[in-house]
Amino acid sequence: MTHETSETSALSRPGGPVAPGRHRPRRNKVPEVTAYFWIIKVLFTFALGTAAGDLVSERMDLGYWLSAALFAAAIAAVAVARFALGLDAVWSFWIAYVLTRPLGASVGDYLSQPAGDGALGLGTVITSVLFLAVILGLVVYLGVTRKDVTEPGPAARHAV
């Protein structure tokens, strides 16, 4: 669900920049964080995602590595459906978002579980530290480079 927000902006518009302190409505495509959002997030992503990861890797006896590859391929298929076939952006986001949970669980299991079970056997502490280091590294990198910040398009720059 999207909702309207107001934001202070000094972006140029016909007739000059918006004066500081003036607010203009802007469409925000971020879901409003309500109790419903958290219920969906917990049930749909964590519970369903973990169960799906366990189902594929353990019950279907595909193992951790093949399970991770399967979920990565499913996420890639969603991206293709979104960009090549025009799948709705909201549906694409939620499908890919849910698939990231079993992908992460499968990769985590592959790294942490014993080698005798077909995994690498790094253990939960090393795997957790490794994941945390990658997350922190990406956050710092994006904070410094701002590569994840997109400039507003021409239509947004001229909106009132």
N, C-alpha and C. Protein backbone atom coordinates (compact mmCIF):
# COMPACT_ATOMS: atom_id res chain seq x y z
N MET A 1 0.84 -1.16 0.00
CA MET A 1 0.00 0.00 0.00
C MET A 1 0.89 1.23 0.00
N THR A 2 0.54 2.20 -0.76
CA THR A 2 1.29 3.45 -0.77
C THR A 2 0.47 4.51 -0.06
N HIS A 3 1.13 5.54 0.39
CA HIS A 3 0.42 6.62 1.05
C HIS A 3 1.06 7.94 0.67
N GLU A 4 0.30 9.00 0.86
CA GLU A 4 0.79 10.33 0.54
C GLU A 4 1.63 10.84 1.70
N THR A 5 2.72 11.51 1.36
CA THR A 5 3.53 12.17 2.37
C THR A 5 3.83 13.57 1.90
N SER A 6 4.29 14.41 2.80
CA SER A 6 4.76 15.73 2.42
C SER A 6 6.24 15.79 2.69
N GLU A 7 6.93 16.56 1.89
CA GLU A 7 8.36 16.65 2.07
C GLU A 7 8.80 18.07 1.75
N THR A 8 9.79 18.53 2.47
CA THR A 8 10.37 19.82 2.16
C THR A 8 11.33 19.62 1.02
N SER A 9 11.25 20.46 0.01
CA SER A 9 12.10 20.29 -1.15
C SER A 9 12.55 21.63 -1.69
N ALA A 10 13.80 21.68 -2.15
CA ALA A 10 14.30 22.88 -2.81
C ALA A 10 14.57 22.58 -4.28
N LEU A 11 13.90 21.54 -4.80
CA LEU A 11 14.08 21.18 -6.20
C LEU A 11 13.53 22.28 -7.10
N SER A 12 14.13 22.40 -8.26
CA SER A 12 13.66 23.41 -9.21
C SER A 12 12.31 23.01 -9.76
N ARG A 13 11.52 24.00 -10.04
CA ARG A 13 10.23 23.80 -10.68
C ARG A 13 9.98 25.00 -11.55
N PRO A 14 9.02 24.90 -12.47
CA PRO A 14 8.74 26.07 -13.29
C PRO A 14 8.46 27.28 -12.38
N GLY A 15 9.13 28.37 -12.63
CA GLY A 15 8.95 29.56 -11.82
C GLY A 15 9.97 29.68 -10.71
N GLY A 16 10.91 28.72 -10.63
CA GLY A 16 11.96 28.81 -9.62
C GLY A 16 11.88 27.69 -8.61
N PRO A 17 12.84 27.65 -7.70
CA PRO A 17 12.85 26.57 -6.71
C PRO A 17 11.74 26.73 -5.70
N VAL A 18 11.38 25.62 -5.07
CA VAL A 18 10.39 25.64 -4.00
C VAL A 18 11.07 26.29 -2.80
N ALA A 19 10.39 27.21 -2.16
CA ALA A 19 10.97 27.92 -1.02
C ALA A 19 11.22 26.95 0.12
N PRO A 20 12.34 27.14 0.84
CA PRO A 20 12.60 26.28 2.00
C PRO A 20 11.44 26.36 2.98
N GLY A 21 11.11 25.21 3.55
CA GLY A 21 10.01 25.16 4.50
C GLY A 21 8.66 24.90 3.86
N ARG A 22 8.55 25.04 2.54
CA ARG A 22 7.28 24.73 1.86
C ARG A 22 7.20 23.24 1.65
N HIS A 23 6.02 22.72 1.79
CA HIS A 23 5.82 21.29 1.62
C HIS A 23 5.03 21.04 0.35
N ARG A 24 5.36 19.94 -0.27
CA ARG A 24 4.59 19.55 -1.45
C ARG A 24 4.26 18.06 -1.31
N PRO A 25 3.06 17.66 -1.73
CA PRO A 25 2.71 16.25 -1.64
C PRO A 25 3.57 15.43 -2.59
N ARG A 26 3.92 14.25 -2.16
CA ARG A 26 4.73 13.35 -2.98
C ARG A 26 4.23 11.92 -2.77
N ARG A 27 4.13 11.19 -3.84
CA ARG A 27 3.72 9.79 -3.78
C ARG A 27 4.86 8.99 -3.17
N ASN A 28 4.58 8.24 -2.15
CA ASN A 28 5.59 7.42 -1.49
C ASN A 28 5.22 5.96 -1.73
N LYS A 29 6.12 5.20 -2.32
CA LYS A 29 5.81 3.80 -2.65
C LYS A 29 6.26 2.85 -1.56
N VAL A 30 6.65 3.38 -0.42
CA VAL A 30 7.02 2.54 0.72
C VAL A 30 5.75 2.22 1.48
N PRO A 31 5.57 0.92 1.86
CA PRO A 31 4.35 0.59 2.59
C PRO A 31 4.29 1.31 3.93
N GLU A 32 3.10 1.69 4.32
CA GLU A 32 2.93 2.29 5.63
C GLU A 32 3.15 1.21 6.68
N VAL A 33 3.98 1.50 7.66
CA VAL A 33 4.34 0.50 8.67
C VAL A 33 3.28 0.51 9.76
N THR A 34 2.38 -0.46 9.68
CA THR A 34 1.29 -0.61 10.64
C THR A 34 1.39 -2.01 11.24
N ALA A 35 0.48 -2.33 12.14
CA ALA A 35 0.43 -3.67 12.71
C ALA A 35 0.22 -4.71 11.61
N TYR A 36 -0.57 -4.37 10.60
CA TYR A 36 -0.79 -5.31 9.50
C TYR A 36 0.50 -5.60 8.75
N PHE A 37 1.30 -4.57 8.54
CA PHE A 37 2.59 -4.74 7.87
C PHE A 37 3.44 -5.75 8.63
N TRP A 38 3.54 -5.59 9.95
CA TRP A 38 4.38 -6.48 10.75
C TRP A 38 3.82 -7.89 10.81
N ILE A 39 2.51 -8.03 10.86
CA ILE A 39 1.92 -9.38 10.85
C ILE A 39 2.26 -10.09 9.54
N ILE A 40 2.08 -9.39 8.43
CA ILE A 40 2.40 -9.96 7.12
C ILE A 40 3.89 -10.28 7.05
N LYS A 41 4.72 -9.35 7.49
CA LYS A 41 6.16 -9.54 7.43
C LYS A 41 6.60 -10.77 8.22
N VAL A 42 6.12 -10.90 9.44
CA VAL A 42 6.53 -12.02 10.29
C VAL A 42 6.00 -13.34 9.75
N LEU A 43 4.70 -13.39 9.44
CA LEU A 43 4.11 -14.64 8.98
C LEU A 43 4.56 -15.02 7.58
N PHE A 44 4.53 -14.05 6.70
CA PHE A 44 4.76 -14.33 5.28
C PHE A 44 6.23 -14.52 4.97
N THR A 45 7.08 -13.71 5.54
CA THR A 45 8.49 -13.81 5.16
C THR A 45 9.26 -14.75 6.08
N PHE A 46 9.15 -14.55 7.38
CA PHE A 46 9.95 -15.36 8.27
C PHE A 46 9.41 -16.77 8.41
N ALA A 47 8.14 -16.91 8.79
CA ALA A 47 7.56 -18.23 9.00
C ALA A 47 7.48 -19.02 7.70
N LEU A 48 6.86 -18.43 6.69
CA LEU A 48 6.72 -19.11 5.41
C LEU A 48 8.08 -19.31 4.74
N GLY A 49 8.92 -18.29 4.80
CA GLY A 49 10.25 -18.39 4.18
C GLY A 49 11.10 -19.47 4.79
N THR A 50 11.12 -19.54 6.12
CA THR A 50 11.90 -20.57 6.80
C THR A 50 11.34 -21.95 6.49
N ALA A 51 10.03 -22.07 6.55
CA ALA A 51 9.40 -23.36 6.25
C ALA A 51 9.69 -23.79 4.82
N ALA A 52 9.64 -22.85 3.88
CA ALA A 52 9.92 -23.19 2.48
C ALA A 52 11.37 -23.62 2.30
N GLY A 53 12.30 -22.93 2.95
CA GLY A 53 13.70 -23.31 2.88
C GLY A 53 13.94 -24.69 3.44
N ASP A 54 13.34 -24.98 4.59
CA ASP A 54 13.48 -26.31 5.20
C ASP A 54 12.83 -27.39 4.34
N LEU A 55 11.68 -27.08 3.78
CA LEU A 55 10.98 -28.03 2.92
C LEU A 55 11.85 -28.44 1.74
N VAL A 56 12.41 -27.45 1.06
CA VAL A 56 13.21 -27.74 -0.13
C VAL A 56 14.53 -28.43 0.22
N SER A 57 15.23 -27.93 1.23
CA SER A 57 16.55 -28.49 1.52
C SER A 57 16.50 -29.82 2.27
N GLU A 58 15.56 -29.96 3.19
CA GLU A 58 15.53 -31.16 4.02
C GLU A 58 14.49 -32.18 3.59
N ARG A 59 13.24 -31.77 3.50
CA ARG A 59 12.17 -32.71 3.17
C ARG A 59 12.27 -33.23 1.74
N MET A 60 12.67 -32.37 0.81
CA MET A 60 12.81 -32.80 -0.57
C MET A 60 14.21 -33.36 -0.82
N ASP A 61 15.04 -33.32 0.22
CA ASP A 61 16.39 -33.88 0.21
C ASP A 61 17.25 -33.31 -0.93
N LEU A 62 17.15 -32.02 -1.15
CA LEU A 62 17.96 -31.38 -2.18
C LEU A 62 19.29 -30.85 -1.64
N GLY A 63 19.39 -30.75 -0.33
CA GLY A 63 20.61 -30.23 0.27
C GLY A 63 20.61 -28.71 0.29
N TYR A 64 21.59 -28.15 1.03
CA TYR A 64 21.62 -26.70 1.25
C TYR A 64 22.03 -25.93 0.01
N TRP A 65 23.05 -26.42 -0.69
CA TRP A 65 23.57 -25.68 -1.84
C TRP A 65 22.56 -25.65 -2.96
N LEU A 66 21.97 -26.78 -3.31
CA LEU A 66 20.99 -26.83 -4.38
C LEU A 66 19.73 -26.03 -4.01
N SER A 67 19.37 -26.08 -2.73
CA SER A 67 18.23 -25.29 -2.26
C SER A 67 18.50 -23.80 -2.46
N ALA A 68 19.70 -23.34 -2.11
CA ALA A 68 20.06 -21.93 -2.30
C ALA A 68 20.03 -21.56 -3.77
N ALA A 69 20.56 -22.43 -4.62
CA ALA A 69 20.57 -22.16 -6.07
C ALA A 69 19.14 -22.09 -6.61
N LEU A 70 18.27 -22.95 -6.11
CA LEU A 70 16.87 -22.96 -6.56
C LEU A 70 16.17 -21.65 -6.20
N PHE A 71 16.36 -21.17 -4.97
CA PHE A 71 15.72 -19.91 -4.57
C PHE A 71 16.33 -18.71 -5.29
N ALA A 72 17.63 -18.74 -5.53
CA ALA A 72 18.27 -17.66 -6.30
C ALA A 72 17.70 -17.63 -7.73
N ALA A 73 17.50 -18.81 -8.32
CA ALA A 73 16.92 -18.88 -9.66
C ALA A 73 15.48 -18.37 -9.66
N ALA A 74 14.73 -18.65 -8.59
CA ALA A 74 13.35 -18.16 -8.49
C ALA A 74 13.32 -16.64 -8.41
N ILE A 75 14.26 -16.05 -7.66
CA ILE A 75 14.34 -14.59 -7.57
C ILE A 75 14.71 -14.00 -8.92
N ALA A 76 15.62 -14.65 -9.62
CA ALA A 76 16.00 -14.19 -10.97
C ALA A 76 14.79 -14.27 -11.91
N ALA A 77 13.98 -15.32 -11.77
CA ALA A 77 12.78 -15.45 -12.61
C ALA A 77 11.78 -14.33 -12.33
N VAL A 78 11.68 -13.92 -11.07
CA VAL A 78 10.80 -12.80 -10.72
C VAL A 78 11.32 -11.52 -11.37
N ALA A 79 12.63 -11.33 -11.35
CA ALA A 79 13.23 -10.13 -11.98
C ALA A 79 12.94 -10.12 -13.48
N VAL A 80 13.07 -11.27 -14.12
CA VAL A 80 12.77 -11.36 -15.55
C VAL A 80 11.30 -11.07 -15.80
N ALA A 81 10.43 -11.65 -14.95
CA ALA A 81 8.99 -11.40 -15.11
C ALA A 81 8.67 -9.92 -14.91
N ARG A 82 9.38 -9.27 -14.02
CA ARG A 82 9.14 -7.84 -13.75
C ARG A 82 9.60 -6.98 -14.92
N PHE A 83 10.86 -7.15 -15.32
CA PHE A 83 11.45 -6.22 -16.28
C PHE A 83 11.19 -6.60 -17.74
N ALA A 84 11.07 -7.87 -18.04
CA ALA A 84 10.85 -8.27 -19.43
C ALA A 84 9.37 -8.48 -19.76
N LEU A 85 8.61 -8.94 -18.77
CA LEU A 85 7.22 -9.28 -19.02
C LEU A 85 6.23 -8.32 -18.38
N GLY A 86 6.72 -7.36 -17.59
CA GLY A 86 5.85 -6.34 -17.01
C GLY A 86 5.06 -6.76 -15.79
N LEU A 87 5.55 -7.73 -15.02
CA LEU A 87 4.87 -8.11 -13.79
C LEU A 87 4.78 -6.88 -12.88
N ASP A 88 3.65 -6.70 -12.23
CA ASP A 88 3.41 -5.56 -11.36
C ASP A 88 4.53 -5.40 -10.34
N ALA A 89 4.97 -4.17 -10.11
CA ALA A 89 6.09 -3.87 -9.21
C ALA A 89 5.82 -4.33 -7.78
N VAL A 90 4.61 -4.14 -7.30
CA VAL A 90 4.30 -4.53 -5.92
C VAL A 90 4.36 -6.05 -5.77
N TRP A 91 3.74 -6.75 -6.71
CA TRP A 91 3.79 -8.21 -6.66
C TRP A 91 5.23 -8.71 -6.79
N SER A 92 5.97 -8.11 -7.70
CA SER A 92 7.37 -8.50 -7.90
C SER A 92 8.16 -8.33 -6.61
N PHE A 93 7.98 -7.17 -5.96
CA PHE A 93 8.69 -6.91 -4.71
C PHE A 93 8.38 -7.97 -3.66
N TRP A 94 7.09 -8.22 -3.41
CA TRP A 94 6.73 -9.14 -2.33
C TRP A 94 7.14 -10.57 -2.64
N ILE A 95 7.01 -11.00 -3.88
CA ILE A 95 7.43 -12.36 -4.23
C ILE A 95 8.94 -12.51 -4.02
N ALA A 96 9.71 -11.56 -4.54
CA ALA A 96 11.17 -11.62 -4.38
C ALA A 96 11.55 -11.48 -2.90
N TYR A 97 10.85 -10.63 -2.18
CA TYR A 97 11.14 -10.43 -0.76
C TYR A 97 10.95 -11.72 0.03
N VAL A 98 9.85 -12.41 -0.22
CA VAL A 98 9.60 -13.68 0.47
C VAL A 98 10.66 -14.71 0.10
N LEU A 99 11.07 -14.74 -1.16
CA LEU A 99 12.07 -15.71 -1.60
C LEU A 99 13.46 -15.45 -1.02
N THR A 100 13.73 -14.21 -0.59
CA THR A 100 15.04 -13.93 0.00
C THR A 100 15.21 -14.65 1.34
N ARG A 101 14.14 -14.89 2.05
CA ARG A 101 14.25 -15.56 3.36
C ARG A 101 14.73 -17.00 3.21
N PRO A 102 14.09 -17.84 2.38
CA PRO A 102 14.62 -19.19 2.25
C PRO A 102 15.99 -19.21 1.57
N LEU A 103 16.27 -18.24 0.70
CA LEU A 103 17.60 -18.16 0.11
C LEU A 103 18.64 -17.91 1.20
N GLY A 104 18.38 -16.91 2.05
CA GLY A 104 19.31 -16.61 3.15
C GLY A 104 19.45 -17.77 4.11
N ALA A 105 18.34 -18.42 4.44
CA ALA A 105 18.40 -19.57 5.35
C ALA A 105 19.19 -20.72 4.73
N SER A 106 19.01 -20.95 3.45
CA SER A 106 19.73 -22.03 2.78
C SER A 106 21.23 -21.74 2.72
N VAL A 107 21.59 -20.50 2.39
CA VAL A 107 23.01 -20.12 2.36
C VAL A 107 23.60 -20.22 3.77
N GLY A 108 22.86 -19.71 4.77
CA GLY A 108 23.32 -19.80 6.16
C GLY A 108 23.51 -21.24 6.61
N ASP A 109 22.57 -22.10 6.27
CA ASP A 109 22.69 -23.52 6.62
C ASP A 109 23.87 -24.15 5.90
N TYR A 110 24.07 -23.82 4.63
CA TYR A 110 25.19 -24.37 3.86
C TYR A 110 26.53 -23.99 4.50
N LEU A 111 26.63 -22.76 4.97
CA LEU A 111 27.87 -22.31 5.60
C LEU A 111 28.06 -22.90 6.99
N SER A 112 26.98 -23.00 7.78
CA SER A 112 27.11 -23.31 9.20
C SER A 112 26.99 -24.80 9.56
N GLN A 113 26.25 -25.56 8.82
CA GLN A 113 25.99 -26.95 9.19
C GLN A 113 27.24 -27.81 8.98
N PRO A 114 27.28 -28.97 9.64
CA PRO A 114 28.46 -29.85 9.57
C PRO A 114 28.75 -30.33 8.15
N ALA A 115 30.04 -30.52 7.88
CA ALA A 115 30.47 -31.00 6.56
C ALA A 115 29.88 -32.38 6.27
N GLY A 116 29.66 -33.18 7.30
CA GLY A 116 29.06 -34.50 7.12
C GLY A 116 27.64 -34.45 6.60
N ASP A 117 26.99 -33.29 6.74
CA ASP A 117 25.63 -33.10 6.23
C ASP A 117 25.63 -32.43 4.86
N GLY A 118 26.80 -32.32 4.23
CA GLY A 118 26.89 -31.73 2.91
C GLY A 118 27.07 -30.22 2.92
N ALA A 119 27.47 -29.67 4.05
CA ALA A 119 27.67 -28.22 4.17
C ALA A 119 29.16 -27.93 4.40
N LEU A 120 29.49 -26.67 4.65
CA LEU A 120 30.89 -26.29 4.83
C LEU A 120 31.39 -26.45 6.26
N GLY A 121 30.49 -26.46 7.23
CA GLY A 121 30.89 -26.70 8.62
C GLY A 121 31.57 -25.53 9.31
N LEU A 122 31.26 -24.30 8.92
CA LEU A 122 31.88 -23.14 9.56
C LEU A 122 31.34 -22.87 10.96
N GLY A 123 30.16 -23.38 11.25
CA GLY A 123 29.53 -23.14 12.55
C GLY A 123 28.70 -21.87 12.53
N THR A 124 27.82 -21.75 13.53
CA THR A 124 26.90 -20.62 13.57
C THR A 124 27.58 -19.31 13.93
N VAL A 125 28.61 -19.35 14.78
CA VAL A 125 29.28 -18.11 15.17
C VAL A 125 30.02 -17.50 13.99
N ILE A 126 30.82 -18.28 13.30
CA ILE A 126 31.58 -17.76 12.16
C ILE A 126 30.63 -17.32 11.05
N THR A 127 29.59 -18.10 10.80
CA THR A 127 28.61 -17.73 9.77
C THR A 127 27.92 -16.41 10.14
N SER A 128 27.53 -16.25 11.39
CA SER A 128 26.87 -15.01 11.82
C SER A 128 27.81 -13.82 11.70
N VAL A 129 29.06 -13.99 12.11
CA VAL A 129 30.04 -12.90 12.01
C VAL A 129 30.28 -12.57 10.54
N LEU A 130 30.36 -13.57 9.68
CA LEU A 130 30.55 -13.35 8.25
C LEU A 130 29.38 -12.57 7.66
N PHE A 131 28.14 -12.97 7.97
CA PHE A 131 26.97 -12.25 7.47
C PHE A 131 26.96 -10.82 7.99
N LEU A 132 27.24 -10.63 9.29
CA LEU A 132 27.26 -9.30 9.87
C LEU A 132 28.32 -8.42 9.20
N ALA A 133 29.49 -8.99 8.94
CA ALA A 133 30.57 -8.23 8.29
C ALA A 133 30.16 -7.79 6.88
N VAL A 134 29.51 -8.68 6.14
CA VAL A 134 29.06 -8.33 4.79
C VAL A 134 28.00 -7.23 4.86
N ILE A 135 27.04 -7.37 5.78
CA ILE A 135 25.99 -6.35 5.91
C ILE A 135 26.59 -5.00 6.29
N LEU A 136 27.45 -4.98 7.31
CA LEU A 136 28.08 -3.72 7.72
C LEU A 136 28.92 -3.13 6.60
N GLY A 137 29.66 -3.99 5.90
CA GLY A 137 30.47 -3.50 4.78
C GLY A 137 29.62 -2.85 3.71
N LEU A 138 28.50 -3.46 3.36
CA LEU A 138 27.61 -2.88 2.35
C LEU A 138 26.97 -1.59 2.84
N VAL A 139 26.56 -1.54 4.10
CA VAL A 139 25.95 -0.32 4.63
C VAL A 139 26.96 0.83 4.61
N VAL A 140 28.19 0.56 5.04
CA VAL A 140 29.22 1.61 5.03
C VAL A 140 29.53 2.02 3.59
N TYR A 141 29.69 1.06 2.70
CA TYR A 141 29.98 1.35 1.30
C TYR A 141 28.89 2.24 0.68
N LEU A 142 27.63 1.85 0.89
CA LEU A 142 26.52 2.64 0.33
C LEU A 142 26.40 4.00 1.01
N GLY A 143 26.70 4.07 2.29
CA GLY A 143 26.67 5.34 2.99
C GLY A 143 27.71 6.31 2.47
N VAL A 144 28.87 5.79 2.09
CA VAL A 144 29.95 6.63 1.59
C VAL A 144 29.75 6.97 0.12
N THR A 145 29.46 5.97 -0.70
CA THR A 145 29.36 6.18 -2.15
C THR A 145 28.00 6.69 -2.59
N ARG A 146 26.95 6.41 -1.81
CA ARG A 146 25.57 6.77 -2.13
C ARG A 146 25.13 6.19 -3.48
N LYS A 147 25.68 5.03 -3.85
CA LYS A 147 25.32 4.38 -5.10
C LYS A 147 23.87 3.90 -5.12
N ASP A 148 23.25 3.82 -3.97
CA ASP A 148 21.86 3.37 -3.91
C ASP A 148 20.87 4.53 -3.98
N VAL A 149 21.35 5.76 -4.09
CA VAL A 149 20.49 6.94 -4.15
C VAL A 149 20.27 7.29 -5.61
N THR A 150 19.01 7.37 -6.00
CA THR A 150 18.69 7.73 -7.37
C THR A 150 18.18 9.17 -7.41
N GLU A 151 18.55 9.84 -8.47
CA GLU A 151 18.08 11.20 -8.68
C GLU A 151 16.65 11.14 -9.19
N PRO A 152 15.81 12.10 -8.80
CA PRO A 152 14.44 12.11 -9.32
C PRO A 152 14.45 12.36 -10.82
N GLY A 153 13.51 11.73 -11.52
CA GLY A 153 13.40 11.90 -12.96
C GLY A 153 12.92 13.29 -13.31
N PRO A 154 12.92 13.63 -14.60
CA PRO A 154 12.50 14.97 -15.03
C PRO A 154 11.09 15.32 -14.59
N ALA A 155 10.18 14.37 -14.63
CA ALA A 155 8.79 14.65 -14.22
C ALA A 155 8.73 14.99 -12.76
N ALA A 156 9.49 14.27 -11.92
CA ALA A 156 9.47 14.52 -10.47
C ALA A 156 10.12 15.86 -10.15
N ARG A 157 11.15 16.24 -10.90
CA ARG A 157 11.83 17.51 -10.65
C ARG A 157 10.93 18.70 -10.92
N HIS A 158 9.99 18.54 -11.84
CA HIS A 158 9.13 19.66 -12.22
C HIS A 158 7.73 19.57 -11.59
N ALA A 159 7.52 18.59 -10.72
CA ALA A 159 6.22 18.46 -10.07
C ALA A 159 6.05 19.58 -9.05
N VAL A 160 4.84 19.99 -8.87
CA VAL A 160 4.56 21.08 -7.92
C VAL A 160 4.16 20.48 -6.61
